[in-house]
N, C-alpha and C. Protein backbone atom coordinates (compact mmCIF):
# COMPACT_ATOMS: atom_id res chain seq x y z
N MET A 1 23.38 14.43 -108.11
CA MET A 1 23.78 15.65 -108.76
C MET A 1 22.99 16.81 -108.15
N ARG A 2 23.66 17.92 -107.97
CA ARG A 2 23.02 19.13 -107.43
C ARG A 2 23.37 20.30 -108.35
N VAL A 3 22.37 21.00 -108.88
CA VAL A 3 22.57 22.12 -109.79
C VAL A 3 22.42 23.42 -109.01
N HIS A 4 23.30 24.38 -109.30
CA HIS A 4 23.29 25.64 -108.56
C HIS A 4 23.62 26.80 -109.50
N VAL A 5 22.96 27.95 -109.26
CA VAL A 5 23.29 29.18 -109.96
C VAL A 5 23.78 30.18 -108.92
N ASP A 6 24.99 30.68 -109.12
CA ASP A 6 25.56 31.69 -108.23
C ASP A 6 25.04 33.06 -108.67
N LYS A 7 24.07 33.59 -107.93
CA LYS A 7 23.43 34.86 -108.29
C LYS A 7 24.41 36.03 -108.24
N ASP A 8 25.48 35.89 -107.47
CA ASP A 8 26.47 36.97 -107.41
C ASP A 8 27.30 37.03 -108.70
N ARG A 9 27.42 35.93 -109.38
CA ARG A 9 28.20 35.88 -110.63
C ARG A 9 27.32 36.06 -111.86
N CYS A 10 26.06 35.67 -111.77
CA CYS A 10 25.15 35.66 -112.91
C CYS A 10 24.98 37.08 -113.48
N VAL A 11 25.06 37.18 -114.81
CA VAL A 11 24.86 38.46 -115.50
C VAL A 11 23.57 38.45 -116.32
N GLY A 12 22.81 37.36 -116.24
CA GLY A 12 21.53 37.29 -116.92
C GLY A 12 21.61 37.01 -118.41
N ALA A 13 22.67 36.37 -118.85
CA ALA A 13 22.81 36.05 -120.27
C ALA A 13 21.71 35.08 -120.72
N GLY A 14 21.25 34.23 -119.82
CA GLY A 14 20.14 33.32 -120.11
C GLY A 14 20.51 32.09 -120.91
N MET A 15 21.79 31.84 -121.09
CA MET A 15 22.20 30.68 -121.88
C MET A 15 21.76 29.37 -121.23
N CYS A 16 21.74 29.32 -119.91
CA CYS A 16 21.31 28.09 -119.24
C CYS A 16 19.82 27.82 -119.50
N ALA A 17 19.01 28.87 -119.43
CA ALA A 17 17.57 28.71 -119.67
C ALA A 17 17.29 28.36 -121.12
N LEU A 18 18.09 28.86 -122.03
CA LEU A 18 17.92 28.51 -123.44
C LEU A 18 18.37 27.08 -123.71
N THR A 19 19.40 26.64 -123.01
CA THR A 19 19.96 25.31 -123.24
C THR A 19 19.15 24.21 -122.56
N ALA A 20 18.74 24.45 -121.32
CA ALA A 20 18.00 23.44 -120.55
C ALA A 20 16.78 24.10 -119.89
N PRO A 21 15.76 24.45 -120.68
CA PRO A 21 14.60 25.16 -120.13
C PRO A 21 13.76 24.37 -119.14
N SER A 22 13.96 23.06 -119.08
CA SER A 22 13.21 22.27 -118.10
C SER A 22 13.85 22.35 -116.71
N VAL A 23 15.05 22.94 -116.63
CA VAL A 23 15.77 23.04 -115.35
C VAL A 23 15.97 24.49 -114.92
N PHE A 24 16.18 25.41 -115.87
CA PHE A 24 16.51 26.79 -115.55
C PHE A 24 15.45 27.77 -116.04
N THR A 25 15.36 28.90 -115.36
CA THR A 25 14.52 30.01 -115.78
C THR A 25 15.23 31.29 -115.39
N GLN A 26 14.60 32.42 -115.66
CA GLN A 26 15.15 33.70 -115.23
C GLN A 26 14.13 34.37 -114.32
N ASP A 27 14.63 35.00 -113.26
CA ASP A 27 13.73 35.66 -112.31
C ASP A 27 13.33 37.04 -112.83
N ASP A 28 12.59 37.78 -112.04
CA ASP A 28 12.09 39.10 -112.45
C ASP A 28 13.21 40.09 -112.74
N ASP A 29 14.38 39.87 -112.16
CA ASP A 29 15.53 40.75 -112.40
C ASP A 29 16.36 40.29 -113.60
N GLY A 30 15.95 39.19 -114.23
CA GLY A 30 16.68 38.67 -115.39
C GLY A 30 17.80 37.72 -115.05
N LEU A 31 17.98 37.43 -113.76
CA LEU A 31 19.03 36.51 -113.35
C LEU A 31 18.53 35.07 -113.42
N SER A 32 19.42 34.19 -113.74
CA SER A 32 19.04 32.78 -113.87
C SER A 32 18.83 32.13 -112.52
N GLU A 33 17.98 31.13 -112.50
CA GLU A 33 17.75 30.34 -111.30
C GLU A 33 17.27 28.95 -111.70
N VAL A 34 17.45 28.03 -110.79
CA VAL A 34 17.01 26.66 -111.00
C VAL A 34 15.52 26.60 -110.65
N LEU A 35 14.75 25.96 -111.51
CA LEU A 35 13.32 25.82 -111.26
C LEU A 35 13.08 25.01 -109.99
N PRO A 36 12.05 25.34 -109.23
CA PRO A 36 11.74 24.57 -108.02
C PRO A 36 11.54 23.09 -108.35
N GLY A 37 12.15 22.26 -107.54
CA GLY A 37 12.04 20.81 -107.74
C GLY A 37 13.01 20.25 -108.77
N ARG A 38 13.81 21.10 -109.38
CA ARG A 38 14.76 20.66 -110.41
C ARG A 38 16.21 20.78 -109.94
N GLU A 39 16.41 20.97 -108.66
CA GLU A 39 17.76 21.13 -108.11
C GLU A 39 18.64 19.92 -108.39
N ASP A 40 18.01 18.78 -108.67
CA ASP A 40 18.78 17.56 -108.98
C ASP A 40 19.03 17.41 -110.48
N GLY A 41 18.66 18.41 -111.24
CA GLY A 41 18.85 18.37 -112.69
C GLY A 41 17.70 17.76 -113.44
N GLY A 42 16.77 17.17 -112.73
CA GLY A 42 15.58 16.61 -113.35
C GLY A 42 15.84 15.56 -114.41
N GLY A 43 17.03 14.98 -114.39
CA GLY A 43 17.36 13.97 -115.39
C GLY A 43 17.62 14.54 -116.78
N ASP A 44 17.68 15.86 -116.89
CA ASP A 44 17.89 16.50 -118.19
C ASP A 44 19.35 16.36 -118.62
N PRO A 45 19.60 15.71 -119.76
CA PRO A 45 20.98 15.52 -120.22
C PRO A 45 21.65 16.81 -120.67
N LEU A 46 20.88 17.88 -120.82
CA LEU A 46 21.44 19.16 -121.28
C LEU A 46 21.97 20.04 -120.16
N VAL A 47 21.85 19.59 -118.91
CA VAL A 47 22.32 20.39 -117.78
C VAL A 47 23.81 20.68 -117.90
N ARG A 48 24.59 19.70 -118.25
CA ARG A 48 26.05 19.92 -118.37
C ARG A 48 26.38 20.85 -119.53
N ASP A 49 25.57 20.81 -120.58
CA ASP A 49 25.74 21.76 -121.68
C ASP A 49 25.43 23.18 -121.20
N ALA A 50 24.44 23.31 -120.33
CA ALA A 50 24.10 24.63 -119.78
C ALA A 50 25.23 25.17 -118.91
N VAL A 51 25.89 24.29 -118.18
CA VAL A 51 27.05 24.70 -117.37
C VAL A 51 28.13 25.27 -118.29
N ARG A 52 28.41 24.56 -119.36
CA ARG A 52 29.45 25.02 -120.30
C ARG A 52 29.04 26.29 -121.05
N ALA A 53 27.74 26.49 -121.25
CA ALA A 53 27.26 27.65 -122.01
C ALA A 53 27.30 28.95 -121.22
N CYS A 54 27.36 28.86 -119.90
CA CYS A 54 27.35 30.08 -119.08
C CYS A 54 28.64 30.88 -119.30
N PRO A 55 28.52 32.13 -119.76
CA PRO A 55 29.73 32.91 -120.07
C PRO A 55 30.52 33.35 -118.84
N VAL A 56 29.90 33.31 -117.67
CA VAL A 56 30.60 33.76 -116.45
C VAL A 56 30.76 32.65 -115.42
N GLU A 57 30.49 31.41 -115.83
CA GLU A 57 30.63 30.22 -114.98
C GLU A 57 29.82 30.33 -113.68
N ALA A 58 28.60 30.86 -113.79
CA ALA A 58 27.72 30.99 -112.63
C ALA A 58 26.94 29.71 -112.36
N VAL A 59 26.85 28.84 -113.34
CA VAL A 59 26.10 27.60 -113.20
C VAL A 59 27.07 26.47 -112.90
N THR A 60 26.78 25.73 -111.84
CA THR A 60 27.64 24.62 -111.47
C THR A 60 26.82 23.37 -111.17
N VAL A 61 27.48 22.23 -111.28
CA VAL A 61 26.88 20.95 -110.92
C VAL A 61 27.80 20.28 -109.92
N ASP A 62 27.25 19.91 -108.79
CA ASP A 62 27.98 19.18 -107.77
C ASP A 62 27.57 17.72 -107.88
N GLU A 63 28.50 16.87 -108.16
CA GLU A 63 28.21 15.45 -108.37
C GLU A 63 28.00 14.67 -107.08
N SER A 64 28.31 15.25 -105.93
CA SER A 64 28.19 14.49 -104.67
C SER A 64 26.79 14.48 -104.13
């Protein structure tokens, strides 16, 4: 699994960071990003919930 945040789509709602704080954070501009070393989702079962929670579909999971 590979977790990605599209910074061009992100509006900084922060729903991913609220849903799965062990995987996501917000940068100095308020945009979401994946924490270093957590690009694989870190085994957090809430990653898929974070994908669904994003209001602009900026968070994606690639299963390959």
